[in-house]
């Protein structure tokens, strides 16, 4: 898919998810509505393949995203499971990326949450 064909509404949804403003469930509903029967999703997994709707790098993950994630958890707005799901989504979807200058912090936390963190809830 050519970058010019990326659904700009989808990019806005993905950006909202990255900032923890949109739940994974709501992102799933919006992507399903946009793709219809073409959507490929295994309901047994707590992740969503965004490559069908946004196959290119579109949403930069920065240290501020990590700060937002932990602040929302501290306030009880998201669960530990949702934190891990967020890291999983960021790790597996091509829509998310980080720049080299952010890699030390962003990659450290994304990888910790995805590979080493075990949610208590």
Protein backbone atom coordinates (compact mmCIF):
# COMPACT_ATOMS: atom_id res chain seq x y z
CA UNK A 1 0.00 0.00 0.00
CA UNK A 2 1.32 3.38 -0.98
CA UNK A 3 1.81 5.92 1.84
CA UNK A 4 -0.61 8.28 0.09
CA UNK A 5 -3.35 5.66 0.50
CA UNK A 6 -3.07 5.48 4.28
CA UNK A 7 -6.37 6.19 5.96
CA UNK A 8 -5.73 9.50 7.74
CA UNK A 9 -8.61 8.88 10.12
CA UNK A 10 -6.90 5.64 11.12
CA UNK A 11 -3.65 7.50 11.77
CA UNK A 12 -5.54 9.84 14.12
CA UNK A 13 -7.03 6.83 15.95
CA UNK A 14 -3.61 5.20 16.23
CA UNK A 15 -2.14 8.45 17.57
CA UNK A 16 -4.94 8.61 20.16
CA UNK A 17 -4.22 5.02 21.18
CA UNK A 18 -0.51 5.82 21.51
CA UNK A 19 -1.41 8.67 23.91
CA UNK A 20 -3.71 6.32 25.88
CA UNK A 21 -6.74 8.41 24.93
CA UNK A 22 -8.42 5.58 23.06
CA UNK A 23 -8.82 2.05 24.42
CA UNK A 24 -7.71 -0.99 22.46
CA UNK A 25 -11.36 -2.05 22.26
CA UNK A 26 -12.42 1.29 20.77
CA UNK A 27 -9.51 1.22 18.32
CA UNK A 28 -10.63 -2.27 17.31
CA UNK A 29 -14.22 -1.08 16.73
CA UNK A 30 -13.05 1.81 14.55
CA UNK A 31 -10.68 -0.30 12.48
CA UNK A 32 -13.37 -2.96 12.02
CA UNK A 33 -15.84 -0.29 10.88
CA UNK A 34 -13.29 1.07 8.39
CA UNK A 35 -12.21 -2.30 6.98
CA UNK A 36 -15.41 -4.29 7.28
CA UNK A 37 -15.12 -7.91 6.19
CA UNK A 38 -11.56 -7.35 4.99
CA UNK A 39 -10.35 -7.06 8.59
CA UNK A 40 -8.17 -9.92 9.75
CA UNK A 41 -8.36 -10.40 13.52
CA UNK A 42 -8.06 -13.34 15.87
CA UNK A 43 -10.43 -12.65 18.81
CA UNK A 44 -8.29 -14.86 21.07
CA UNK A 45 -5.49 -12.27 21.05
CA UNK A 46 -5.45 -9.01 22.98
CA UNK A 47 -3.79 -7.17 20.11
CA UNK A 48 -4.85 -5.70 16.82
CA UNK A 49 -2.99 -5.94 13.52
CA UNK A 50 -2.94 -2.37 12.23
CA UNK A 51 -0.87 -3.20 9.16
CA UNK A 52 -4.03 -3.60 7.08
CA UNK A 53 -5.04 0.01 7.65
CA UNK A 54 -1.66 1.65 8.31
CA UNK A 55 1.23 -0.39 6.91
CA UNK A 56 3.82 2.38 7.13
CA UNK A 57 5.52 4.28 9.93
CA UNK A 58 3.04 6.95 10.93
CA UNK A 59 3.03 7.44 14.71
CA UNK A 60 6.26 8.32 16.46
CA UNK A 61 6.54 7.00 20.01
CA UNK A 62 8.43 9.44 22.24
CA UNK A 63 9.42 9.53 25.91
CA UNK A 64 6.25 11.57 26.48
CA UNK A 65 4.16 8.56 25.43
CA UNK A 66 5.92 6.48 28.09
CA UNK A 67 5.29 9.21 30.68
CA UNK A 68 1.60 9.33 29.74
CA UNK A 69 1.34 5.55 29.99
CA UNK A 70 2.83 5.42 33.49
CA UNK A 71 0.90 8.48 34.70
CA UNK A 72 -2.40 6.92 33.60
CA UNK A 73 -1.49 3.70 35.39
CA UNK A 74 -0.52 5.60 38.55
CA UNK A 75 -3.91 7.35 38.53
CA UNK A 76 -5.68 4.02 38.00
CA UNK A 77 -7.01 5.02 34.58
CA UNK A 78 -5.49 1.95 32.91
CA UNK A 79 -4.59 -1.50 34.21
CA UNK A 80 -1.24 -3.24 34.16
CA UNK A 81 -2.68 -5.56 31.50
CA UNK A 82 -3.53 -2.53 29.36
CA UNK A 83 0.04 -1.27 29.78
CA UNK A 84 1.38 -4.59 28.51
CA UNK A 85 -1.14 -4.62 25.65
CA UNK A 86 0.01 -1.11 24.70
CA UNK A 87 3.65 -2.23 24.56
CA UNK A 88 2.64 -5.30 22.54
CA UNK A 89 0.79 -3.12 20.03
CA UNK A 90 3.71 -0.71 19.73
CA UNK A 91 6.16 -3.57 19.29
CA UNK A 92 4.32 -5.52 16.57
CA UNK A 93 2.69 -2.85 14.39
CA UNK A 94 4.59 -1.08 11.65
CA UNK A 95 2.56 2.10 12.25
CA UNK A 96 4.58 2.81 15.41
CA UNK A 97 8.23 3.83 15.43
CA UNK A 98 10.73 5.76 17.49
CA UNK A 99 13.72 7.82 16.48
CA UNK A 100 17.30 6.92 17.46
CA UNK A 101 17.50 9.80 19.94
CA UNK A 102 14.54 8.31 21.85
CA UNK A 103 15.58 4.68 21.53
CA UNK A 104 17.34 4.33 24.89
CA UNK A 105 14.28 5.26 26.91
CA UNK A 106 11.45 4.18 24.61
CA UNK A 107 12.92 0.83 23.58
CA UNK A 108 13.91 0.07 27.18
CA UNK A 109 10.36 0.49 28.49
CA UNK A 110 8.52 -0.99 25.52
CA UNK A 111 10.75 -4.07 25.62
CA UNK A 112 10.44 -4.39 29.40
CA UNK A 113 6.65 -4.17 29.29
CA UNK A 114 6.39 -6.52 26.33
CA UNK A 115 8.95 -9.17 27.24
CA UNK A 116 9.55 -9.03 31.00
CA UNK A 117 6.52 -7.49 32.72
CA UNK A 118 3.87 -9.73 34.23
CA UNK A 119 0.66 -7.84 35.03
CA UNK A 120 -0.91 -8.49 38.42
CA UNK A 121 -4.43 -7.72 37.17
